[in-house]
Amino acid sequence: MRKPPELDAGETLAGRQKATTGNAEVGFARGKKGDALVVAVRCQGAGTVKVAVRPVHVSFPLECLAGKVSTIYNQVAVSGVNRDGTVSVEAPPAVR
């Protein structure tokens, strides 16, 4: 689980968190009008990860499995986030 999810052509990295065990938070810069926000989360270890994206008020779970790397991509259509935001991940201590 050393490599982060790959970006598609035309996508710009807004923020990235290195491998972490348990809870984490990463900030991202505001976007331009017409941009979409794509949140990619990769995990390993048994447990459910809860992801919250602020200020766009989006949240979703990701079921993580022991011995398997799971990845989820969620795209949020926004009309332009006019302020910086954060992606918060709440995870059990056994989940990386």
N, C-alpha and C. Protein backbone atom coordinates (compact mmCIF):
# COMPACT_ATOMS: atom_id res chain seq x y z
N MET A 1 0.83 -1.17 0.00
CA MET A 1 0.00 0.00 0.00
C MET A 1 0.88 1.25 0.00
N ARG A 2 1.94 1.24 -0.68
CA ARG A 2 2.87 2.36 -0.67
C ARG A 2 2.52 3.43 -1.68
N LYS A 3 1.85 3.07 -2.78
CA LYS A 3 1.56 4.05 -3.82
C LYS A 3 0.14 4.60 -3.64
N PRO A 4 -0.02 5.92 -3.75
CA PRO A 4 -1.37 6.50 -3.68
C PRO A 4 -2.13 6.22 -4.96
N PRO A 5 -3.46 6.42 -4.94
CA PRO A 5 -4.24 6.26 -6.17
C PRO A 5 -3.70 7.19 -7.26
N GLU A 6 -3.73 6.73 -8.49
CA GLU A 6 -3.23 7.51 -9.63
C GLU A 6 -4.24 8.57 -10.04
N LEU A 7 -3.72 9.69 -10.53
CA LEU A 7 -4.58 10.74 -11.07
C LEU A 7 -4.85 10.46 -12.54
N ASP A 8 -6.06 10.78 -12.98
CA ASP A 8 -6.40 10.69 -14.39
C ASP A 8 -5.91 11.95 -15.11
N ALA A 9 -5.80 11.87 -16.42
CA ALA A 9 -5.40 13.04 -17.21
C ALA A 9 -6.38 14.18 -16.95
N GLY A 10 -5.87 15.36 -16.76
CA GLY A 10 -6.72 16.53 -16.51
C GLY A 10 -7.04 16.77 -15.05
N GLU A 11 -6.71 15.84 -14.16
CA GLU A 11 -6.94 16.04 -12.73
C GLU A 11 -5.73 16.72 -12.10
N THR A 12 -5.98 17.57 -11.13
CA THR A 12 -4.94 18.28 -10.41
C THR A 12 -4.99 17.89 -8.94
N LEU A 13 -3.86 17.58 -8.38
CA LEU A 13 -3.79 17.19 -6.98
C LEU A 13 -4.07 18.39 -6.09
N ALA A 14 -5.06 18.26 -5.21
CA ALA A 14 -5.39 19.34 -4.28
C ALA A 14 -4.81 19.07 -2.91
N GLY A 15 -4.54 17.82 -2.58
CA GLY A 15 -3.97 17.46 -1.28
C GLY A 15 -3.71 15.98 -1.22
N ARG A 16 -2.80 15.58 -0.35
CA ARG A 16 -2.46 14.15 -0.21
C ARG A 16 -1.97 13.91 1.20
N GLN A 17 -2.39 12.79 1.78
CA GLN A 17 -1.95 12.37 3.11
C GLN A 17 -1.11 11.11 2.95
N LYS A 18 0.04 11.09 3.55
CA LYS A 18 0.87 9.89 3.52
C LYS A 18 0.18 8.80 4.32
N ALA A 19 0.65 7.57 4.20
CA ALA A 19 0.06 6.44 4.92
C ALA A 19 -0.01 6.75 6.41
N THR A 20 -1.18 6.53 6.97
CA THR A 20 -1.45 6.84 8.37
C THR A 20 -2.26 5.69 8.96
N THR A 21 -2.07 5.44 10.23
CA THR A 21 -2.88 4.46 10.93
C THR A 21 -3.89 5.21 11.79
N GLY A 22 -5.16 4.81 11.71
CA GLY A 22 -6.19 5.47 12.49
C GLY A 22 -6.68 6.74 11.82
N ASN A 23 -7.08 7.72 12.62
CA ASN A 23 -7.67 8.96 12.12
C ASN A 23 -6.65 9.86 11.43
N ALA A 24 -7.13 10.66 10.48
CA ALA A 24 -6.26 11.61 9.78
C ALA A 24 -7.11 12.71 9.17
N GLU A 25 -6.45 13.81 8.83
CA GLU A 25 -7.12 14.92 8.17
C GLU A 25 -6.14 15.55 7.20
N VAL A 26 -6.64 15.90 6.01
CA VAL A 26 -5.80 16.57 5.02
C VAL A 26 -6.58 17.75 4.44
N GLY A 27 -5.89 18.86 4.26
CA GLY A 27 -6.52 20.04 3.72
C GLY A 27 -6.38 20.09 2.20
N PHE A 28 -7.28 20.85 1.58
CA PHE A 28 -7.17 21.07 0.14
C PHE A 28 -7.51 22.52 -0.16
N ALA A 29 -6.96 23.02 -1.25
CA ALA A 29 -7.16 24.41 -1.64
C ALA A 29 -8.48 24.56 -2.39
N ARG A 30 -9.00 25.77 -2.35
CA ARG A 30 -10.27 26.03 -3.04
C ARG A 30 -10.14 25.76 -4.53
N GLY A 31 -11.26 25.46 -5.15
CA GLY A 31 -11.26 25.14 -6.57
C GLY A 31 -11.75 26.29 -7.42
N LYS A 32 -11.70 26.05 -8.73
CA LYS A 32 -12.20 27.03 -9.69
C LYS A 32 -13.62 26.65 -10.08
N LYS A 33 -14.35 27.62 -10.59
CA LYS A 33 -15.72 27.36 -11.04
C LYS A 33 -15.70 26.27 -12.11
N GLY A 34 -16.58 25.31 -11.96
CA GLY A 34 -16.66 24.20 -12.90
C GLY A 34 -15.82 22.99 -12.53
N ASP A 35 -14.96 23.14 -11.52
CA ASP A 35 -14.14 22.01 -11.07
C ASP A 35 -15.02 20.98 -10.37
N ALA A 36 -14.58 19.74 -10.40
CA ALA A 36 -15.18 18.67 -9.61
C ALA A 36 -14.17 18.29 -8.55
N LEU A 37 -14.62 17.87 -7.43
CA LEU A 37 -13.76 17.41 -6.35
C LEU A 37 -13.81 15.89 -6.32
N VAL A 38 -12.66 15.24 -6.50
CA VAL A 38 -12.58 13.79 -6.45
C VAL A 38 -11.82 13.41 -5.19
N VAL A 39 -12.44 12.61 -4.34
CA VAL A 39 -11.81 12.15 -3.11
C VAL A 39 -11.52 10.66 -3.28
N ALA A 40 -10.23 10.32 -3.23
CA ALA A 40 -9.81 8.92 -3.34
C ALA A 40 -9.25 8.49 -2.00
N VAL A 41 -9.75 7.39 -1.47
CA VAL A 41 -9.30 6.88 -0.18
C VAL A 41 -8.89 5.43 -0.38
N ARG A 42 -7.72 5.10 0.11
CA ARG A 42 -7.21 3.72 0.03
C ARG A 42 -6.95 3.25 1.46
N CYS A 43 -7.37 2.02 1.77
CA CYS A 43 -7.18 1.51 3.13
C CYS A 43 -6.84 0.03 3.14
N GLN A 44 -6.33 -0.40 4.28
CA GLN A 44 -5.99 -1.80 4.50
C GLN A 44 -6.14 -2.08 5.99
N GLY A 45 -6.72 -3.21 6.32
CA GLY A 45 -6.98 -3.58 7.72
C GLY A 45 -8.48 -3.68 7.93
N ALA A 46 -8.89 -4.50 8.87
CA ALA A 46 -10.31 -4.76 9.09
C ALA A 46 -10.99 -3.61 9.83
N GLY A 47 -12.06 -3.08 9.24
CA GLY A 47 -12.84 -2.03 9.89
C GLY A 47 -13.47 -1.09 8.88
N THR A 48 -14.34 -0.24 9.38
CA THR A 48 -15.01 0.74 8.53
C THR A 48 -14.39 2.11 8.73
N VAL A 49 -14.07 2.75 7.63
CA VAL A 49 -13.52 4.10 7.63
C VAL A 49 -14.67 5.05 7.30
N LYS A 50 -14.77 6.14 8.05
CA LYS A 50 -15.77 7.18 7.77
C LYS A 50 -15.03 8.40 7.24
N VAL A 51 -15.45 8.87 6.07
CA VAL A 51 -14.80 10.00 5.42
C VAL A 51 -15.79 11.17 5.39
N ALA A 52 -15.33 12.36 5.77
CA ALA A 52 -16.15 13.57 5.73
C ALA A 52 -15.38 14.65 4.98
N VAL A 53 -16.07 15.35 4.07
CA VAL A 53 -15.46 16.40 3.27
C VAL A 53 -16.15 17.72 3.62
N ARG A 54 -15.36 18.66 4.08
CA ARG A 54 -15.88 19.98 4.44
C ARG A 54 -15.18 21.03 3.60
N PRO A 55 -15.82 22.03 3.14
CA PRO A 55 -17.12 22.55 3.51
C PRO A 55 -18.26 22.08 2.62
N VAL A 56 -18.08 21.07 1.79
CA VAL A 56 -19.14 20.66 0.86
C VAL A 56 -20.16 19.70 1.48
N HIS A 57 -19.99 19.36 2.76
CA HIS A 57 -20.97 18.56 3.50
C HIS A 57 -21.24 17.21 2.83
N VAL A 58 -20.17 16.50 2.51
CA VAL A 58 -20.27 15.17 1.92
C VAL A 58 -19.59 14.19 2.87
N SER A 59 -20.20 13.02 3.04
CA SER A 59 -19.56 11.98 3.84
C SER A 59 -19.92 10.63 3.25
N PHE A 60 -19.04 9.65 3.49
CA PHE A 60 -19.28 8.30 3.00
C PHE A 60 -18.42 7.32 3.79
N PRO A 61 -18.86 6.04 3.87
CA PRO A 61 -18.06 5.02 4.54
C PRO A 61 -17.26 4.21 3.52
N LEU A 62 -16.23 3.54 4.00
CA LEU A 62 -15.45 2.60 3.20
C LEU A 62 -15.15 1.40 4.06
N GLU A 63 -15.58 0.23 3.64
CA GLU A 63 -15.31 -1.00 4.38
C GLU A 63 -13.93 -1.50 3.99
N CYS A 64 -13.05 -1.61 4.97
CA CYS A 64 -11.68 -2.05 4.74
C CYS A 64 -11.52 -3.49 5.22
N LEU A 65 -10.70 -4.24 4.52
CA LEU A 65 -10.53 -5.66 4.81
C LEU A 65 -9.10 -5.98 5.22
N ALA A 66 -8.95 -6.91 6.13
CA ALA A 66 -7.62 -7.36 6.55
C ALA A 66 -6.94 -8.04 5.38
N GLY A 67 -5.69 -7.70 5.13
CA GLY A 67 -4.91 -8.35 4.08
C GLY A 67 -5.25 -7.93 2.67
N LYS A 68 -6.15 -6.96 2.50
CA LYS A 68 -6.53 -6.51 1.16
C LYS A 68 -6.55 -4.98 1.13
N VAL A 69 -6.06 -4.40 0.06
CA VAL A 69 -6.10 -2.95 -0.12
C VAL A 69 -7.40 -2.61 -0.84
N SER A 70 -8.17 -1.69 -0.25
CA SER A 70 -9.43 -1.24 -0.84
C SER A 70 -9.30 0.23 -1.20
N THR A 71 -9.85 0.61 -2.35
CA THR A 71 -9.81 1.99 -2.79
C THR A 71 -11.21 2.42 -3.22
N ILE A 72 -11.58 3.64 -2.85
CA ILE A 72 -12.85 4.19 -3.28
C ILE A 72 -12.60 5.59 -3.83
N TYR A 73 -13.30 5.93 -4.90
CA TYR A 73 -13.24 7.26 -5.51
C TYR A 73 -14.64 7.84 -5.45
N ASN A 74 -14.77 9.03 -4.93
CA ASN A 74 -16.06 9.72 -4.94
C ASN A 74 -15.86 11.08 -5.57
N GLN A 75 -16.67 11.37 -6.57
CA GLN A 75 -16.59 12.66 -7.26
C GLN A 75 -17.78 13.50 -6.85
N VAL A 76 -17.49 14.75 -6.44
CA VAL A 76 -18.51 15.66 -5.99
C VAL A 76 -18.56 16.82 -6.99
N ALA A 77 -19.71 17.04 -7.58
CA ALA A 77 -19.87 18.17 -8.49
C ALA A 77 -20.13 19.40 -7.64
N VAL A 78 -19.25 20.37 -7.73
CA VAL A 78 -19.42 21.60 -6.98
C VAL A 78 -19.36 22.77 -7.96
N SER A 79 -20.06 23.82 -7.61
CA SER A 79 -20.08 24.97 -8.52
C SER A 79 -18.92 25.91 -8.24
N GLY A 80 -17.90 25.39 -7.60
CA GLY A 80 -16.73 26.20 -7.26
C GLY A 80 -16.68 26.38 -5.76
N VAL A 81 -15.74 25.75 -5.13
CA VAL A 81 -15.58 25.89 -3.69
C VAL A 81 -14.78 27.16 -3.48
N ASN A 82 -15.39 28.14 -2.87
CA ASN A 82 -14.74 29.44 -2.74
C ASN A 82 -13.88 29.56 -1.49
N ARG A 83 -13.67 28.45 -0.81
CA ARG A 83 -12.77 28.45 0.35
C ARG A 83 -12.09 27.10 0.45
N ASP A 84 -11.00 27.07 1.17
CA ASP A 84 -10.26 25.83 1.37
C ASP A 84 -11.13 24.84 2.14
N GLY A 85 -10.76 23.57 2.11
CA GLY A 85 -11.53 22.56 2.80
C GLY A 85 -10.65 21.49 3.42
N THR A 86 -11.29 20.51 4.01
CA THR A 86 -10.58 19.38 4.61
C THR A 86 -11.31 18.08 4.31
N VAL A 87 -10.53 17.02 4.23
CA VAL A 87 -11.06 15.66 4.18
C VAL A 87 -10.62 15.00 5.48
N SER A 88 -11.59 14.58 6.28
CA SER A 88 -11.31 13.93 7.55
C SER A 88 -11.63 12.45 7.44
N VAL A 89 -10.73 11.62 7.96
CA VAL A 89 -10.93 10.18 7.95
C VAL A 89 -10.93 9.69 9.39
N GLU A 90 -12.01 9.02 9.76
CA GLU A 90 -12.11 8.42 11.09
C GLU A 90 -11.99 6.91 10.89
N ALA A 91 -10.97 6.30 11.50
CA ALA A 91 -10.70 4.88 11.26
C ALA A 91 -10.28 4.19 12.55
N PRO A 92 -10.61 2.90 12.66
CA PRO A 92 -10.13 2.14 13.81
C PRO A 92 -8.59 2.08 13.81
N PRO A 93 -7.98 1.90 14.97
CA PRO A 93 -6.51 1.87 15.06
C PRO A 93 -5.85 0.81 14.19
N ALA A 94 -6.57 -0.26 13.85
CA ALA A 94 -5.99 -1.34 13.06
C ALA A 94 -6.01 -1.05 11.57
N VAL A 95 -6.67 0.02 11.16
CA VAL A 95 -6.79 0.34 9.74
C VAL A 95 -5.73 1.36 9.36
N ARG A 96 -5.09 1.07 8.25
CA ARG A 96 -4.04 1.96 7.73
C ARG A 96 -4.54 2.63 6.48
